[in-house]
Amino acid sequence: MGKNTVSRVWEIAEPLAKELGLILWDVRFVKEGANYYLRIFIDKEGGVTIDDCVNMSRALDAPLDEGNFIEQSYNMQVSSPGIERELTREFHFDAFLGSPVILRLIRPFNGVRNFHGELSSYCNGDVSVILDDETEMTAQKKEIAFVKLDDFNI
């Protein structure tokens, strides 16, 4: 069984990022309108520069071309995950335990979809947040549209 595009790109990009002193934050392959985008998100202590993005992009060009496993034409974009970075992988949640987050549910709970609070735990796909009123809310990752750092409360 073949690996999906994101997994294969991750395997190529992660060691290249490490060589460049970067952390591979996320890889996404998405279709928007008629176009496909391969988005590589990188991070490092002190923040990502334009040069970091250019260096990562150049490092990926040849291996991705040689691998020839992406059938569609696509645009590659390399960038920082930004200050309101989305938490999607287990290491993201582990790195930001105790941080202020915005959690949006796919379907409203008691008429509410957006919750603000402090990320208290992530275990087996369950995300727990201590809300502003000191109650704890837990949702399964599959019920969540996104969890992002809340840059207004950092």
N, C-alpha and C. Protein backbone atom coordinates (compact mmCIF):
# COMPACT_ATOMS: atom_id res chain seq x y z
N MET A 1 0.85 -1.18 0.00
CA MET A 1 0.00 0.00 0.00
C MET A 1 0.90 1.24 0.00
N GLY A 2 0.66 2.18 -0.92
CA GLY A 2 1.48 3.38 -1.03
C GLY A 2 1.16 4.38 0.06
N LYS A 3 2.15 5.15 0.43
CA LYS A 3 1.96 6.19 1.44
C LYS A 3 1.32 7.40 0.78
N ASN A 4 0.59 8.15 1.56
CA ASN A 4 -0.03 9.34 0.99
C ASN A 4 1.01 10.44 0.79
N THR A 5 0.64 11.42 0.02
CA THR A 5 1.55 12.50 -0.36
C THR A 5 2.14 13.20 0.85
N VAL A 6 1.32 13.54 1.83
CA VAL A 6 1.80 14.26 3.00
C VAL A 6 2.86 13.45 3.75
N SER A 7 2.61 12.16 3.95
CA SER A 7 3.56 11.30 4.65
C SER A 7 4.89 11.21 3.90
N ARG A 8 4.81 11.07 2.60
CA ARG A 8 6.04 10.96 1.80
C ARG A 8 6.82 12.27 1.81
N VAL A 9 6.12 13.39 1.69
CA VAL A 9 6.80 14.68 1.74
C VAL A 9 7.41 14.88 3.12
N TRP A 10 6.70 14.50 4.18
CA TRP A 10 7.23 14.64 5.55
C TRP A 10 8.55 13.89 5.68
N GLU A 11 8.59 12.64 5.16
CA GLU A 11 9.81 11.82 5.25
C GLU A 11 11.00 12.48 4.56
N ILE A 12 10.73 13.18 3.47
CA ILE A 12 11.79 13.87 2.73
C ILE A 12 12.16 15.18 3.44
N ALA A 13 11.17 15.92 3.87
CA ALA A 13 11.38 17.27 4.41
C ALA A 13 11.97 17.30 5.82
N GLU A 14 11.60 16.36 6.66
CA GLU A 14 12.05 16.43 8.05
C GLU A 14 13.57 16.42 8.20
N PRO A 15 14.29 15.48 7.57
CA PRO A 15 15.75 15.53 7.73
C PRO A 15 16.38 16.77 7.09
N LEU A 16 15.79 17.27 6.01
CA LEU A 16 16.31 18.49 5.38
C LEU A 16 16.13 19.69 6.31
N ALA A 17 14.98 19.75 6.96
CA ALA A 17 14.73 20.84 7.92
C ALA A 17 15.75 20.78 9.05
N LYS A 18 16.00 19.60 9.58
CA LYS A 18 16.97 19.45 10.67
C LYS A 18 18.35 19.92 10.23
N GLU A 19 18.76 19.55 9.02
CA GLU A 19 20.07 19.99 8.50
C GLU A 19 20.17 21.50 8.44
N LEU A 20 19.03 22.16 8.20
CA LEU A 20 19.00 23.62 8.10
C LEU A 20 18.74 24.30 9.45
N GLY A 21 18.68 23.50 10.53
CA GLY A 21 18.44 24.05 11.86
C GLY A 21 16.99 24.44 12.08
N LEU A 22 16.08 23.78 11.36
CA LEU A 22 14.66 24.10 11.42
C LEU A 22 13.86 22.94 11.99
N ILE A 23 12.65 23.23 12.39
CA ILE A 23 11.70 22.21 12.82
C ILE A 23 10.62 22.13 11.75
N LEU A 24 10.36 20.93 11.26
CA LEU A 24 9.23 20.75 10.34
C LEU A 24 7.96 20.77 11.19
N TRP A 25 7.14 21.80 11.00
CA TRP A 25 5.93 21.97 11.81
C TRP A 25 4.76 21.21 11.22
N ASP A 26 4.57 21.33 9.89
CA ASP A 26 3.43 20.66 9.27
C ASP A 26 3.63 20.59 7.76
N VAL A 27 2.95 19.66 7.14
CA VAL A 27 2.91 19.51 5.68
C VAL A 27 1.45 19.31 5.30
N ARG A 28 1.02 20.07 4.32
CA ARG A 28 -0.36 19.94 3.83
C ARG A 28 -0.35 19.94 2.31
N PHE A 29 -1.19 19.09 1.74
CA PHE A 29 -1.38 19.05 0.29
C PHE A 29 -2.86 19.26 0.06
N VAL A 30 -3.22 20.42 -0.47
CA VAL A 30 -4.63 20.79 -0.58
C VAL A 30 -4.97 21.27 -1.98
N LYS A 31 -6.23 21.09 -2.34
CA LYS A 31 -6.74 21.62 -3.59
C LYS A 31 -7.62 22.82 -3.26
N GLU A 32 -7.33 23.93 -3.91
CA GLU A 32 -8.14 25.14 -3.75
C GLU A 32 -8.52 25.60 -5.14
N GLY A 33 -9.80 25.53 -5.44
CA GLY A 33 -10.24 25.82 -6.79
C GLY A 33 -9.66 24.77 -7.73
N ALA A 34 -9.04 25.22 -8.80
CA ALA A 34 -8.45 24.29 -9.77
C ALA A 34 -6.99 23.98 -9.45
N ASN A 35 -6.43 24.60 -8.42
CA ASN A 35 -5.00 24.48 -8.13
C ASN A 35 -4.71 23.63 -6.90
N TYR A 36 -3.57 22.93 -6.95
CA TYR A 36 -3.08 22.17 -5.81
C TYR A 36 -1.92 22.92 -5.18
N TYR A 37 -1.85 22.87 -3.84
CA TYR A 37 -0.79 23.53 -3.10
C TYR A 37 -0.14 22.55 -2.14
N LEU A 38 1.17 22.50 -2.19
CA LEU A 38 1.95 21.75 -1.21
C LEU A 38 2.50 22.80 -0.25
N ARG A 39 1.99 22.77 0.97
CA ARG A 39 2.38 23.77 1.96
C ARG A 39 3.26 23.12 3.02
N ILE A 40 4.45 23.68 3.17
CA ILE A 40 5.42 23.21 4.14
C ILE A 40 5.56 24.31 5.19
N PHE A 41 5.29 23.97 6.44
CA PHE A 41 5.41 24.93 7.53
C PHE A 41 6.64 24.58 8.36
N ILE A 42 7.52 25.57 8.54
CA ILE A 42 8.76 25.37 9.28
C ILE A 42 8.80 26.33 10.47
N ASP A 43 9.60 25.96 11.46
CA ASP A 43 9.72 26.80 12.64
C ASP A 43 11.16 26.70 13.14
N LYS A 44 11.55 27.63 14.00
CA LYS A 44 12.82 27.56 14.71
C LYS A 44 12.77 28.53 15.87
N GLU A 45 13.64 28.29 16.82
CA GLU A 45 13.77 29.18 17.97
C GLU A 45 14.10 30.58 17.47
N GLY A 46 13.36 31.56 17.92
CA GLY A 46 13.62 32.93 17.50
C GLY A 46 12.86 33.35 16.26
N GLY A 47 12.17 32.41 15.61
CA GLY A 47 11.35 32.74 14.46
C GLY A 47 12.00 32.42 13.12
N VAL A 48 11.17 32.27 12.13
CA VAL A 48 11.58 31.91 10.78
C VAL A 48 11.81 33.17 9.95
N THR A 49 12.86 33.16 9.13
CA THR A 49 13.15 34.28 8.24
C THR A 49 12.79 33.90 6.80
N ILE A 50 12.78 34.90 5.93
CA ILE A 50 12.56 34.64 4.50
C ILE A 50 13.66 33.71 3.98
N ASP A 51 14.90 33.93 4.42
CA ASP A 51 16.01 33.07 3.99
C ASP A 51 15.78 31.61 4.39
N ASP A 52 15.22 31.38 5.58
CA ASP A 52 14.91 30.00 6.00
C ASP A 52 13.92 29.37 5.03
N CYS A 53 12.90 30.13 4.64
CA CYS A 53 11.89 29.62 3.71
C CYS A 53 12.50 29.32 2.35
N VAL A 54 13.33 30.22 1.88
CA VAL A 54 13.98 30.02 0.57
C VAL A 54 14.89 28.81 0.63
N ASN A 55 15.69 28.69 1.69
CA ASN A 55 16.62 27.56 1.82
C ASN A 55 15.88 26.23 1.88
N MET A 56 14.77 26.19 2.60
CA MET A 56 13.98 24.95 2.70
C MET A 56 13.36 24.62 1.34
N SER A 57 12.84 25.62 0.66
CA SER A 57 12.25 25.41 -0.66
C SER A 57 13.28 24.84 -1.63
N ARG A 58 14.46 25.43 -1.65
CA ARG A 58 15.54 24.95 -2.54
C ARG A 58 15.97 23.53 -2.18
N ALA A 59 16.05 23.24 -0.88
CA ALA A 59 16.45 21.91 -0.44
C ALA A 59 15.45 20.84 -0.87
N LEU A 60 14.18 21.21 -0.96
CA LEU A 60 13.13 20.26 -1.32
C LEU A 60 12.96 20.05 -2.81
N ASP A 61 13.33 21.04 -3.62
CA ASP A 61 13.08 20.98 -5.07
C ASP A 61 13.55 19.68 -5.71
N ALA A 62 14.83 19.36 -5.60
CA ALA A 62 15.38 18.17 -6.28
C ALA A 62 14.79 16.87 -5.73
N PRO A 63 14.75 16.66 -4.40
CA PRO A 63 14.18 15.40 -3.90
C PRO A 63 12.72 15.18 -4.31
N LEU A 64 11.93 16.25 -4.33
CA LEU A 64 10.53 16.09 -4.73
C LEU A 64 10.42 15.78 -6.22
N ASP A 65 11.26 16.43 -7.03
CA ASP A 65 11.26 16.14 -8.47
C ASP A 65 11.72 14.71 -8.74
N GLU A 66 12.77 14.28 -8.05
CA GLU A 66 13.30 12.92 -8.23
C GLU A 66 12.29 11.88 -7.76
N GLY A 67 11.61 12.15 -6.66
CA GLY A 67 10.62 11.21 -6.13
C GLY A 67 9.46 11.01 -7.08
N ASN A 68 9.08 12.06 -7.78
CA ASN A 68 8.03 12.01 -8.81
C ASN A 68 6.78 11.26 -8.36
N PHE A 69 6.36 11.48 -7.11
CA PHE A 69 5.18 10.77 -6.61
C PHE A 69 3.94 11.66 -6.52
N ILE A 70 4.10 12.94 -6.84
CA ILE A 70 2.95 13.84 -6.85
C ILE A 70 2.50 13.99 -8.30
N GLU A 71 1.36 13.39 -8.62
CA GLU A 71 0.91 13.35 -10.01
C GLU A 71 0.40 14.70 -10.51
N GLN A 72 -0.23 15.47 -9.63
CA GLN A 72 -0.83 16.74 -10.03
C GLN A 72 0.25 17.83 -10.12
N SER A 73 -0.01 18.82 -10.97
CA SER A 73 0.80 20.03 -10.93
C SER A 73 0.44 20.75 -9.64
N TYR A 74 1.44 21.34 -8.97
CA TYR A 74 1.18 21.99 -7.70
C TYR A 74 2.12 23.17 -7.50
N ASN A 75 1.71 24.05 -6.63
CA ASN A 75 2.56 25.16 -6.20
C ASN A 75 3.06 24.81 -4.80
N MET A 76 4.37 24.93 -4.59
CA MET A 76 4.92 24.68 -3.26
C MET A 76 5.08 26.02 -2.54
N GLN A 77 4.62 26.05 -1.30
CA GLN A 77 4.75 27.23 -0.46
C GLN A 77 5.42 26.82 0.85
N VAL A 78 6.49 27.51 1.21
CA VAL A 78 7.18 27.26 2.47
C VAL A 78 7.02 28.50 3.33
N SER A 79 6.54 28.32 4.56
CA SER A 79 6.32 29.48 5.43
C SER A 79 6.38 29.07 6.90
N SER A 80 6.32 30.08 7.75
CA SER A 80 6.21 29.88 9.19
C SER A 80 4.76 29.51 9.51
N PRO A 81 4.54 28.77 10.58
CA PRO A 81 3.15 28.50 10.97
C PRO A 81 2.46 29.73 11.54
N GLY A 82 3.21 30.78 11.83
CA GLY A 82 2.62 32.04 12.30
C GLY A 82 2.34 32.04 13.79
N ILE A 83 1.99 33.21 14.28
CA ILE A 83 1.76 33.38 15.72
C ILE A 83 0.48 32.67 16.17
N GLU A 84 -0.52 32.60 15.31
CA GLU A 84 -1.75 31.86 15.64
C GLU A 84 -1.69 30.47 15.05
N ARG A 85 -0.55 29.83 15.22
CA ARG A 85 -0.34 28.52 14.61
C ARG A 85 -1.40 27.51 15.02
N GLU A 86 -1.75 26.69 14.05
CA GLU A 86 -2.72 25.63 14.30
C GLU A 86 -1.99 24.42 14.88
N LEU A 87 -2.57 23.84 15.90
CA LEU A 87 -2.01 22.65 16.53
C LEU A 87 -2.71 21.44 15.92
N THR A 88 -1.94 20.60 15.23
CA THR A 88 -2.54 19.45 14.55
C THR A 88 -1.89 18.12 14.93
N ARG A 89 -0.65 18.14 15.28
CA ARG A 89 0.09 16.91 15.57
C ARG A 89 0.35 16.78 17.08
N GLU A 90 0.58 15.56 17.53
CA GLU A 90 0.77 15.33 18.96
C GLU A 90 1.88 16.21 19.54
N PHE A 91 3.01 16.35 18.82
CA PHE A 91 4.10 17.15 19.37
C PHE A 91 3.72 18.63 19.48
N HIS A 92 2.78 19.12 18.65
CA HIS A 92 2.30 20.49 18.78
C HIS A 92 1.60 20.68 20.13
N PHE A 93 0.71 19.75 20.44
CA PHE A 93 -0.05 19.85 21.69
C PHE A 93 0.89 19.73 22.89
N ASP A 94 1.84 18.80 22.82
CA ASP A 94 2.79 18.64 23.91
C ASP A 94 3.62 19.91 24.14
N ALA A 95 4.02 20.56 23.04
CA ALA A 95 4.87 21.75 23.14
C ALA A 95 4.13 22.95 23.72
N PHE A 96 2.81 22.98 23.59
CA PHE A 96 2.06 24.17 24.01
C PHE A 96 1.08 23.91 25.15
N LEU A 97 1.31 22.85 25.92
CA LEU A 97 0.49 22.63 27.12
C LEU A 97 0.62 23.86 28.02
N GLY A 98 -0.50 24.32 28.54
CA GLY A 98 -0.49 25.50 29.39
C GLY A 98 -0.63 26.81 28.64
N SER A 99 -0.66 26.75 27.31
CA SER A 99 -0.77 27.97 26.50
C SER A 99 -2.23 28.31 26.22
N PRO A 100 -2.51 29.60 26.01
CA PRO A 100 -3.86 30.00 25.64
C PRO A 100 -4.18 29.58 24.21
N VAL A 101 -5.36 28.99 24.03
CA VAL A 101 -5.77 28.50 22.71
C VAL A 101 -7.21 28.89 22.41
N ILE A 102 -7.53 28.81 21.13
CA ILE A 102 -8.90 28.90 20.64
C ILE A 102 -9.23 27.53 20.07
N LEU A 103 -10.29 26.94 20.55
CA LEU A 103 -10.73 25.64 20.06
C LEU A 103 -12.08 25.85 19.37
N ARG A 104 -12.18 25.43 18.12
CA ARG A 104 -13.45 25.54 17.39
C ARG A 104 -13.96 24.13 17.10
N LEU A 105 -15.17 23.87 17.51
CA LEU A 105 -15.82 22.58 17.24
C LEU A 105 -16.43 22.58 15.84
N ILE A 106 -16.53 21.41 15.26
CA ILE A 106 -17.19 21.27 13.96
C ILE A 106 -18.68 21.56 14.12
N ARG A 107 -19.29 21.00 15.18
CA ARG A 107 -20.69 21.25 15.47
C ARG A 107 -20.79 21.95 16.83
N PRO A 108 -21.70 22.89 16.97
CA PRO A 108 -21.83 23.61 18.24
C PRO A 108 -22.19 22.69 19.40
N PHE A 109 -21.69 23.03 20.57
CA PHE A 109 -22.06 22.36 21.82
C PHE A 109 -22.80 23.40 22.65
N ASN A 110 -24.04 23.13 22.96
CA ASN A 110 -24.91 24.10 23.67
C ASN A 110 -24.91 25.45 22.94
N GLY A 111 -24.93 25.39 21.61
CA GLY A 111 -25.01 26.60 20.80
C GLY A 111 -23.69 27.34 20.61
N VAL A 112 -22.59 26.78 21.11
CA VAL A 112 -21.29 27.45 21.03
C VAL A 112 -20.30 26.58 20.26
N ARG A 113 -19.57 27.22 19.33
CA ARG A 113 -18.53 26.50 18.57
C ARG A 113 -17.12 26.90 18.97
N ASN A 114 -16.92 28.15 19.41
CA ASN A 114 -15.59 28.65 19.75
C ASN A 114 -15.40 28.71 21.26
N PHE A 115 -14.29 28.17 21.71
CA PHE A 115 -13.96 28.16 23.13
C PHE A 115 -12.54 28.71 23.30
N HIS A 116 -12.36 29.54 24.32
CA HIS A 116 -11.06 30.12 24.64
C HIS A 116 -10.63 29.59 25.99
N GLY A 117 -9.37 29.25 26.11
CA GLY A 117 -8.88 28.78 27.40
C GLY A 117 -7.44 28.35 27.31
N GLU A 118 -7.01 27.59 28.31
CA GLU A 118 -5.64 27.11 28.41
C GLU A 118 -5.60 25.63 28.08
N LEU A 119 -4.72 25.26 27.14
CA LEU A 119 -4.57 23.86 26.76
C LEU A 119 -4.06 23.08 27.97
N SER A 120 -4.87 22.15 28.47
CA SER A 120 -4.47 21.43 29.69
C SER A 120 -3.97 20.02 29.42
N SER A 121 -4.45 19.38 28.34
CA SER A 121 -3.92 18.05 28.03
C SER A 121 -4.30 17.62 26.63
N TYR A 122 -3.52 16.65 26.15
CA TYR A 122 -3.81 15.98 24.88
C TYR A 122 -3.43 14.53 25.08
N CYS A 123 -4.41 13.64 24.96
CA CYS A 123 -4.17 12.23 25.19
C CYS A 123 -5.08 11.39 24.30
N ASN A 124 -4.49 10.54 23.49
CA ASN A 124 -5.25 9.65 22.61
C ASN A 124 -6.30 10.37 21.78
N GLY A 125 -5.97 11.57 21.29
CA GLY A 125 -6.89 12.32 20.46
C GLY A 125 -7.90 13.15 21.21
N ASP A 126 -7.85 13.13 22.55
CA ASP A 126 -8.73 13.97 23.36
C ASP A 126 -7.98 15.25 23.72
N VAL A 127 -8.60 16.39 23.41
CA VAL A 127 -8.02 17.70 23.70
C VAL A 127 -8.82 18.31 24.85
N SER A 128 -8.09 18.70 25.91
CA SER A 128 -8.74 19.32 27.06
C SER A 128 -8.26 20.75 27.21
N VAL A 129 -9.22 21.64 27.49
CA VAL A 129 -8.95 23.06 27.65
C VAL A 129 -9.64 23.53 28.93
N ILE A 130 -8.89 24.28 29.76
CA ILE A 130 -9.50 24.92 30.93
C ILE A 130 -10.01 26.26 30.45
N LEU A 131 -11.34 26.41 30.48
CA LEU A 131 -11.98 27.61 29.96
C LEU A 131 -11.83 28.79 30.91
N ASP A 132 -12.17 29.96 30.41
CA ASP A 132 -12.05 31.18 31.19
C ASP A 132 -12.83 31.13 32.51
N ASP A 133 -13.91 30.36 32.55
CA ASP A 133 -14.70 30.25 33.79
C ASP A 133 -14.18 29.13 34.70
N GLU A 134 -12.97 28.62 34.41
CA GLU A 134 -12.28 27.58 35.20
C GLU A 134 -12.85 26.18 35.03
N THR A 135 -13.85 25.98 34.15
CA THR A 135 -14.33 24.63 33.88
C THR A 135 -13.43 24.02 32.82
N GLU A 136 -13.37 22.69 32.81
CA GLU A 136 -12.57 22.00 31.81
C GLU A 136 -13.48 21.41 30.75
N MET A 137 -13.08 21.60 29.51
CA MET A 137 -13.84 21.08 28.38
C MET A 137 -12.93 20.12 27.62
N THR A 138 -13.44 18.94 27.30
CA THR A 138 -12.68 17.96 26.53
C THR A 138 -13.46 17.57 25.29
N ALA A 139 -12.75 17.51 24.17
CA ALA A 139 -13.38 17.09 22.91
C ALA A 139 -12.41 16.18 22.17
N GLN A 140 -12.97 15.26 21.41
CA GLN A 140 -12.14 14.40 20.57
C GLN A 140 -11.67 15.19 19.36
N LYS A 141 -10.45 14.93 18.93
CA LYS A 141 -9.87 15.67 17.82
C LYS A 141 -10.77 15.61 16.58
N LYS A 142 -11.44 14.49 16.37
CA LYS A 142 -12.29 14.35 15.19
C LYS A 142 -13.52 15.26 15.24
N GLU A 143 -13.86 15.79 16.44
CA GLU A 143 -14.98 16.72 16.60
C GLU A 143 -14.55 18.18 16.50
N ILE A 144 -13.25 18.39 16.33
CA ILE A 144 -12.68 19.74 16.39
C ILE A 144 -12.33 20.23 14.99
N ALA A 145 -12.78 21.44 14.65
CA ALA A 145 -12.41 22.06 13.37
C ALA A 145 -10.95 22.50 13.42
N PHE A 146 -10.56 23.15 14.53
CA PHE A 146 -9.16 23.52 14.72
C PHE A 146 -8.89 23.90 16.17
N VAL A 147 -7.61 23.81 16.53
CA VAL A 147 -7.10 24.36 17.78
C VAL A 147 -5.93 25.25 17.36
N LYS A 148 -6.00 26.53 17.73
CA LYS A 148 -4.95 27.49 17.38
C LYS A 148 -4.48 28.19 18.64
N LEU A 149 -3.21 28.61 18.62
CA LEU A 149 -2.73 29.46 19.71
C LEU A 149 -3.51 30.76 19.67
N ASP A 150 -3.85 31.25 20.84
CA ASP A 150 -4.59 32.50 20.96
C ASP A 150 -3.58 33.62 21.19
N ASP A 151 -3.16 34.27 20.11
CA ASP A 151 -2.10 35.27 20.19
C ASP A 151 -2.49 36.51 20.98
N PHE A 152 -3.78 36.73 21.20
CA PHE A 152 -4.21 37.89 21.99
C PHE A 152 -3.99 37.67 23.48
N ASN A 153 -3.82 36.40 23.85
CA ASN A 153 -3.65 36.10 25.26
C ASN A 153 -2.28 35.51 25.59
N ILE A 154 -1.35 35.60 24.66
CA ILE A 154 -0.01 35.05 24.92
C ILE A 154 0.81 36.08 25.68
